[in-house]
Amino acid sequence: MFAAALSLTLAALHPAVPVSSLSSGAAIAVCFSPEEDCAAFADRAIGNAEREILVGAYGLTNGSGVVEALIHARERGIDVRLIADKTTPCERNSAVGSLAAAGVPIWIDDQARIAHAKTMVIDGAITLTGSYNWTRGAAANSENLNLISSPAVAAAYAAHWQQRLAVSVRFKARDDWCRVATTDLR
């Protein structure tokens, strides 16, 4: 009875995607910080990428382990692309510059009040999502990171990533962006 009610509720919330395709065959692994090393958990998933990683980021700092894994993936020839919140490039210790220097194309979602996504879609089959920011400080917080192995779930997240990309602005330089962002926030 609960499963049927859940299916009907999910269908009403997102009628474009059949509920059965979102729930059937998904394997899920979870990580909880500070008890577990969620950066290493993400690093393993990133290290297994073969083609593409679509990243949504609110917080993104150097020294997180996750950023370094993304740079390493890019160096291995993986197509890594990032959409970040408008404040992300201007934050202290922001990794946007490091990722841009590594050749990762970056867009800024300046349309949403906060682009609070903390997601990765890997090879159209694996989704990382949860409260865990891609920051050094996240490891000390009570956070969660979920790895969902499901092409259907990955397709839903990739479609949302593409929707946000369509309204985002290409990032070129921190100084230009942060000067504009600071002016806009006043």
C-alpha atoms as a PDB file:
ATOM      1  CA  MET A   1       0.000   0.000   0.000  1.00  0.00           C
ATOM      2  CA  PHE A   2       2.800   2.450   0.905  1.00  0.00           C
ATOM      3  CA  ALA A   3       4.684   1.706  -2.347  1.00  0.00           C
ATOM      4  CA  ALA A   4       1.571   2.378  -4.406  1.00  0.00           C
ATOM      5  CA  ALA A   5       0.905   5.643  -2.574  1.00  0.00           C
ATOM      6  CA  LEU A   6       4.547   6.681  -3.004  1.00  0.00           C
ATOM      7  CA  SER A   7       4.404   5.881  -6.728  1.00  0.00           C
ATOM      8  CA  LEU A   8       1.247   7.975  -7.157  1.00  0.00           C
ATOM      9  CA  THR A   9       2.749  10.858  -5.198  1.00  0.00           C
ATOM     10  CA  LEU A  10       5.958  10.782  -7.230  1.00  0.00           C
ATOM     11  CA  ALA A  11       4.009  10.551 -10.493  1.00  0.00           C
ATOM     12  CA  ALA A  12       2.001  13.631  -9.543  1.00  0.00           C
ATOM     13  CA  LEU A  13       5.152  15.561  -8.681  1.00  0.00           C
ATOM     14  CA  HIS A  14       7.037  14.700 -11.871  1.00  0.00           C
ATOM     15  CA  PRO A  15       4.652  13.323 -14.514  1.00  0.00           C
ATOM     16  CA  ALA A  16       7.215  13.566 -17.349  1.00  0.00           C
ATOM     17  CA  VAL A  17       9.328  10.753 -15.900  1.00  0.00           C
ATOM     18  CA  PRO A  18       7.701   7.393 -15.203  1.00  0.00           C
ATOM     19  CA  VAL A  19       8.046   6.528 -11.521  1.00  0.00           C
ATOM     20  CA  SER A  20       9.041   2.955 -12.308  1.00  0.00           C
ATOM     21  CA  SER A  21      12.060   4.173 -14.277  1.00  0.00           C
ATOM     22  CA  LEU A  22      13.270   6.209 -11.316  1.00  0.00           C
ATOM     23  CA  SER A  23      13.033   3.468  -8.746  1.00  0.00           C
ATOM     24  CA  SER A  24      13.643   0.158 -10.514  1.00  0.00           C
ATOM     25  CA  GLY A  25      17.121  -1.237 -10.433  1.00  0.00           C
ATOM     26  CA  ALA A  26      18.764   1.617  -8.537  1.00  0.00           C
ATOM     27  CA  ALA A  27      21.606   0.713  -6.225  1.00  0.00           C
ATOM     28  CA  ILE A  28      22.401   3.251  -3.524  1.00  0.00           C
ATOM     29  CA  ALA A  29      25.455   3.675  -1.326  1.00  0.00           C
ATOM     30  CA  VAL A  30      25.579   6.300   1.411  1.00  0.00           C
ATOM     31  CA  CYS A  31      28.327   8.129   3.253  1.00  0.00           C
ATOM     32  CA  PHE A  32      27.992  10.213   6.412  1.00  0.00           C
ATOM     33  CA  SER A  33      30.545  12.723   7.622  1.00  0.00           C
ATOM     34  CA  PRO A  34      32.246  13.354   9.945  1.00  0.00           C
ATOM     35  CA  GLU A  35      32.162   9.625  10.776  1.00  0.00           C
ATOM     36  CA  GLU A  36      33.196   8.550   7.262  1.00  0.00           C
ATOM     37  CA  ASP A  37      35.545   9.926   4.610  1.00  0.00           C
ATOM     38  CA  CYS A  38      33.009  11.207   2.078  1.00  0.00           C
ATOM     39  CA  ALA A  39      35.715  12.943   0.021  1.00  0.00           C
ATOM     40  CA  ALA A  40      37.348   9.539  -0.538  1.00  0.00           C
ATOM     41  CA  PHE A  41      33.895   8.107  -1.323  1.00  0.00           C
ATOM     42  CA  ALA A  42      33.428  10.792  -4.023  1.00  0.00           C
ATOM     43  CA  ASP A  43      37.032  10.402  -5.194  1.00  0.00           C
ATOM     44  CA  ARG A  44      36.456   6.696  -5.924  1.00  0.00           C
ATOM     45  CA  ALA A  45      33.361   7.489  -8.010  1.00  0.00           C
ATOM     46  CA  ILE A  46      35.179  10.286  -9.874  1.00  0.00           C
ATOM     47  CA  GLY A  47      38.193   8.024 -10.407  1.00  0.00           C
ATOM     48  CA  ASN A  48      35.978   5.446 -12.114  1.00  0.00           C
ATOM     49  CA  ALA A  49      34.620   7.971 -14.645  1.00  0.00           C
ATOM     50  CA  GLU A  50      35.273   7.028 -18.239  1.00  0.00           C
ATOM     51  CA  ARG A  51      33.697   9.871 -20.261  1.00  0.00           C
ATOM     52  CA  GLU A  52      31.886  12.702 -18.508  1.00  0.00           C
ATOM     53  CA  ILE A  53      31.219  14.369 -15.165  1.00  0.00           C
ATOM     54  CA  LEU A  54      28.555  17.080 -14.864  1.00  0.00           C
ATOM     55  CA  VAL A  55      29.033  18.976 -11.606  1.00  0.00           C
ATOM     56  CA  GLY A  56      26.648  21.257  -9.740  1.00  0.00           C
ATOM     57  CA  ALA A  57      28.308  23.124  -6.891  1.00  0.00           C
ATOM     58  CA  TYR A  58      27.424  25.614  -4.228  1.00  0.00           C
ATOM     59  CA  GLY A  59      30.567  25.313  -2.130  1.00  0.00           C
ATOM     60  CA  LEU A  60      33.793  24.359  -3.875  1.00  0.00           C
ATOM     61  CA  THR A  61      37.179  24.766  -2.224  1.00  0.00           C
ATOM     62  CA  ASN A  62      40.753  23.705  -2.819  1.00  0.00           C
ATOM     63  CA  GLY A  63      42.004  21.010  -0.500  1.00  0.00           C
ATOM     64  CA  SER A  64      38.663  19.219  -0.380  1.00  0.00           C
ATOM     65  CA  GLY A  65      39.928  16.112  -2.144  1.00  0.00           C
ATOM     66  CA  VAL A  66      36.916  16.284  -4.446  1.00  0.00           C
ATOM     67  CA  VAL A  67      38.285  19.220  -6.433  1.00  0.00           C
ATOM     68  CA  GLU A  68      41.631  17.519  -6.836  1.00  0.00           C
ATOM     69  CA  ALA A  69      39.869  14.353  -8.055  1.00  0.00           C
ATOM     70  CA  LEU A  70      37.963  16.421 -10.637  1.00  0.00           C
ATOM     71  CA  ILE A  71      41.215  18.013 -11.846  1.00  0.00           C
ATOM     72  CA  HIS A  72      42.818  14.582 -12.088  1.00  0.00           C
ATOM     73  CA  ALA A  73      39.789  13.318 -14.064  1.00  0.00           C
ATOM     74  CA  ARG A  74      40.150  16.251 -16.463  1.00  0.00           C
ATOM     75  CA  GLU A  75      43.855  15.431 -16.857  1.00  0.00           C
ATOM     76  CA  ARG A  76      42.839  11.845 -17.742  1.00  0.00           C
ATOM     77  CA  GLY A  77      40.707  13.236 -20.575  1.00  0.00           C
ATOM     78  CA  ILE A  78      37.326  13.087 -18.850  1.00  0.00           C
ATOM     79  CA  ASP A  79      34.869  15.783 -19.959  1.00  0.00           C
ATOM     80  CA  VAL A  80      34.351  17.610 -16.642  1.00  0.00           C
ATOM     81  CA  ARG A  81      31.917  20.556 -16.694  1.00  0.00           C
ATOM     82  CA  LEU A  82      30.770  22.706 -13.770  1.00  0.00           C
ATOM     83  CA  ILE A  83      27.829  24.943 -12.941  1.00  0.00           C
ATOM     84  CA  ALA A  84      28.393  26.960  -9.760  1.00  0.00           C
ATOM     85  CA  ASP A  85      26.487  29.447  -7.648  1.00  0.00           C
ATOM     86  CA  LYS A  86      27.141  33.133  -8.302  1.00  0.00           C
ATOM     87  CA  THR A  87      28.990  33.496  -4.983  1.00  0.00           C
ATOM     88  CA  THR A  88      31.230  30.443  -5.436  1.00  0.00           C
ATOM     89  CA  PRO A  89      34.074  32.082  -7.433  1.00  0.00           C
ATOM     90  CA  CYS A  90      34.304  34.914  -4.916  1.00  0.00           C
ATOM     91  CA  GLU A  91      34.521  32.787  -1.775  1.00  0.00           C
ATOM     92  CA  ARG A  92      37.757  32.441   0.158  1.00  0.00           C
ATOM     93  CA  ASN A  93      39.793  29.467  -1.095  1.00  0.00           C
ATOM     94  CA  SER A  94      37.400  28.954  -4.031  1.00  0.00           C
ATOM     95  CA  ALA A  95      38.513  26.176  -6.359  1.00  0.00           C
ATOM     96  CA  VAL A  96      36.887  27.755  -9.414  1.00  0.00           C
ATOM     97  CA  GLY A  97      40.235  29.211 -10.487  1.00  0.00           C
ATOM     98  CA  SER A  98      42.020  25.874 -10.083  1.00  0.00           C
ATOM     99  CA  LEU A  99      39.377  24.070 -12.111  1.00  0.00           C
ATOM    100  CA  ALA A 100      39.388  26.748 -14.825  1.00  0.00           C
ATOM    101  CA  ALA A 101      43.200  26.583 -15.006  1.00  0.00           C
ATOM    102  CA  ALA A 102      42.892  22.803 -15.493  1.00  0.00           C
ATOM    103  CA  GLY A 103      40.634  23.408 -18.496  1.00  0.00           C
ATOM    104  CA  VAL A 104      37.275  22.679 -16.863  1.00  0.00           C
ATOM    105  CA  PRO A 105      34.542  24.793 -18.516  1.00  0.00           C
ATOM    106  CA  ILE A 106      32.584  26.666 -15.847  1.00  0.00           C
ATOM    107  CA  TRP A 107      29.233  28.383 -15.897  1.00  0.00           C
ATOM    108  CA  ILE A 108      27.640  30.497 -13.186  1.00  0.00           C
ATOM    109  CA  ASP A 109      23.960  30.052 -12.407  1.00  0.00           C
ATOM    110  CA  ASP A 110      23.056  33.651 -11.726  1.00  0.00           C
ATOM    111  CA  GLN A 111      19.317  33.163 -12.242  1.00  0.00           C
ATOM    112  CA  ALA A 112      18.472  31.129  -9.146  1.00  0.00           C
ATOM    113  CA  ARG A 113      18.494  32.948  -5.803  1.00  0.00           C
ATOM    114  CA  ILE A 114      20.973  30.298  -4.669  1.00  0.00           C
ATOM    115  CA  ALA A 115      22.340  27.544  -6.897  1.00  0.00           C
ATOM    116  CA  HIS A 116      22.537  25.150  -3.984  1.00  0.00           C
ATOM    117  CA  ALA A 117      23.145  21.951  -5.946  1.00  0.00           C
ATOM    118  CA  LYS A 118      25.728  19.497  -4.710  1.00  0.00           C
ATOM    119  CA  THR A 119      25.560  16.982  -7.506  1.00  0.00           C
ATOM    120  CA  MET A 120      27.630  15.047  -9.981  1.00  0.00           C
ATOM    121  CA  VAL A 121      26.416  12.924 -12.840  1.00  0.00           C
ATOM    122  CA  ILE A 122      29.111  10.480 -13.923  1.00  0.00           C
ATOM    123  CA  ASP A 123      28.958   8.779 -17.329  1.00  0.00           C
ATOM    124  CA  GLY A 124      25.166   9.060 -17.422  1.00  0.00           C
ATOM    125  CA  ALA A 125      24.904   6.208 -14.942  1.00  0.00           C
ATOM    126  CA  ILE A 126      26.049   7.357 -11.469  1.00  0.00           C
ATOM    127  CA  THR A 127      24.708  10.294  -9.477  1.00  0.00           C
ATOM    128  CA  LEU A 128      26.369  11.766  -6.390  1.00  0.00           C
ATOM    129  CA  THR A 129      24.068  13.992  -4.368  1.00  0.00           C
ATOM    130  CA  GLY A 130      23.328  15.011  -0.813  1.00  0.00           C
ATOM    131  CA  SER A 131      24.040  17.792   1.625  1.00  0.00           C
ATOM    132  CA  TYR A 132      27.812  17.340   1.260  1.00  0.00           C
ATOM    133  CA  ASN A 133      29.430  20.413  -0.333  1.00  0.00           C
ATOM    134  CA  TRP A 134      32.601  19.956  -2.381  1.00  0.00           C
ATOM    135  CA  THR A 135      34.578  21.810   0.316  1.00  0.00           C
ATOM    136  CA  ARG A 136      37.379  21.078   2.745  1.00  0.00           C
ATOM    137  CA  GLY A 137      35.155  21.988   5.697  1.00  0.00           C
ATOM    138  CA  ALA A 138      32.373  19.557   4.764  1.00  0.00           C
ATOM    139  CA  ALA A 139      34.349  16.642   6.186  1.00  0.00           C
ATOM    140  CA  ALA A 140      33.971  18.081   9.700  1.00  0.00           C
ATOM    141  CA  ASN A 141      30.226  18.720   9.351  1.00  0.00           C
ATOM    142  CA  SER A 142      27.336  16.329   9.824  1.00  0.00           C
ATOM    143  CA  GLU A 143      26.645  15.738   6.122  1.00  0.00           C
ATOM    144  CA  ASN A 144      25.482  13.014   3.781  1.00  0.00           C
ATOM    145  CA  LEU A 145      26.588  11.959   0.319  1.00  0.00           C
ATOM    146  CA  ASN A 146      24.580   9.451  -1.673  1.00  0.00           C
ATOM    147  CA  LEU A 147      25.823   7.504  -4.673  1.00  0.00           C
ATOM    148  CA  ILE A 148      22.939   6.317  -6.836  1.00  0.00           C
ATOM    149  CA  SER A 149      23.718   3.822  -9.555  1.00  0.00           C
ATOM    150  CA  SER A 150      20.825   4.224 -11.988  1.00  0.00           C
ATOM    151  CA  PRO A 151      20.837   5.488 -15.579  1.00  0.00           C
ATOM    152  CA  ALA A 152      17.257   6.755 -15.063  1.00  0.00           C
ATOM    153  CA  VAL A 153      18.180   8.812 -12.009  1.00  0.00           C
ATOM    154  CA  ALA A 154      21.344  10.054 -13.729  1.00  0.00           C
ATOM    155  CA  ALA A 155      19.246  11.097 -16.758  1.00  0.00           C
ATOM    156  CA  ALA A 156      16.904  13.106 -14.513  1.00  0.00           C
ATOM    157  CA  TYR A 157      19.843  14.877 -12.840  1.00  0.00           C
ATOM    158  CA  ALA A 158      21.584  15.447 -16.192  1.00  0.00           C
ATOM    159  CA  ALA A 159      18.384  16.951 -17.615  1.00  0.00           C
ATOM    160  CA  HIS A 160      18.162  19.330 -14.660  1.00  0.00           C
ATOM    161  CA  TRP A 161      21.862  20.194 -15.084  1.00  0.00           C
ATOM    162  CA  GLN A 162      21.176  21.018 -18.752  1.00  0.00           C
ATOM    163  CA  GLN A 163      18.203  23.213 -17.760  1.00  0.00           C
ATOM    164  CA  ARG A 164      20.421  25.188 -15.367  1.00  0.00           C
ATOM    165  CA  LEU A 165      23.154  25.396 -18.024  1.00  0.00           C
ATOM    166  CA  ALA A 166      20.673  27.005 -20.431  1.00  0.00           C
ATOM    167  CA  VAL A 167      20.195  29.955 -18.037  1.00  0.00           C
ATOM    168  CA  SER A 168      23.772  30.201 -16.777  1.00  0.00           C
ATOM    169  CA  VAL A 169      26.584  32.552 -17.781  1.00  0.00           C
ATOM    170  CA  ARG A 170      29.992  31.312 -18.934  1.00  0.00           C
ATOM    171  CA  PHE A 171      32.686  32.077 -16.345  1.00  0.00           C
ATOM    172  CA  LYS A 172      35.810  33.688 -17.765  1.00  0.00           C
ATOM    173  CA  ALA A 173      37.745  35.365 -14.957  1.00  0.00           C
ATOM    174  CA  ARG A 174      37.332  35.598 -11.195  1.00  0.00           C
ATOM    175  CA  ASP A 175      38.157  39.284 -10.989  1.00  0.00           C
ATOM    176  CA  ASP A 176      35.603  40.223 -13.634  1.00  0.00           C
ATOM    177  CA  TRP A 177      32.918  38.014 -12.139  1.00  0.00           C
ATOM    178  CA  CYS A 178      33.475  38.930  -8.494  1.00  0.00           C
ATOM    179  CA  ARG A 179      33.513  42.642  -9.277  1.00  0.00           C
ATOM    180  CA  VAL A 180      30.132  42.242 -11.037  1.00  0.00           C
ATOM    181  CA  ALA A 181      28.736  39.918  -8.364  1.00  0.00           C
ATOM    182  CA  THR A 182      29.802  42.286  -5.569  1.00  0.00           C
ATOM    183  CA  THR A 183      28.181  45.236  -7.331  1.00  0.00           C
ATOM    184  CA  ASP A 184      24.971  43.270  -7.915  1.00  0.00           C
ATOM    185  CA  LEU A 185      24.732  42.206  -4.277  1.00  0.00           C
ATOM    186  CA  ARG A 186      24.666  45.743  -2.930  1.00  0.00           C
END
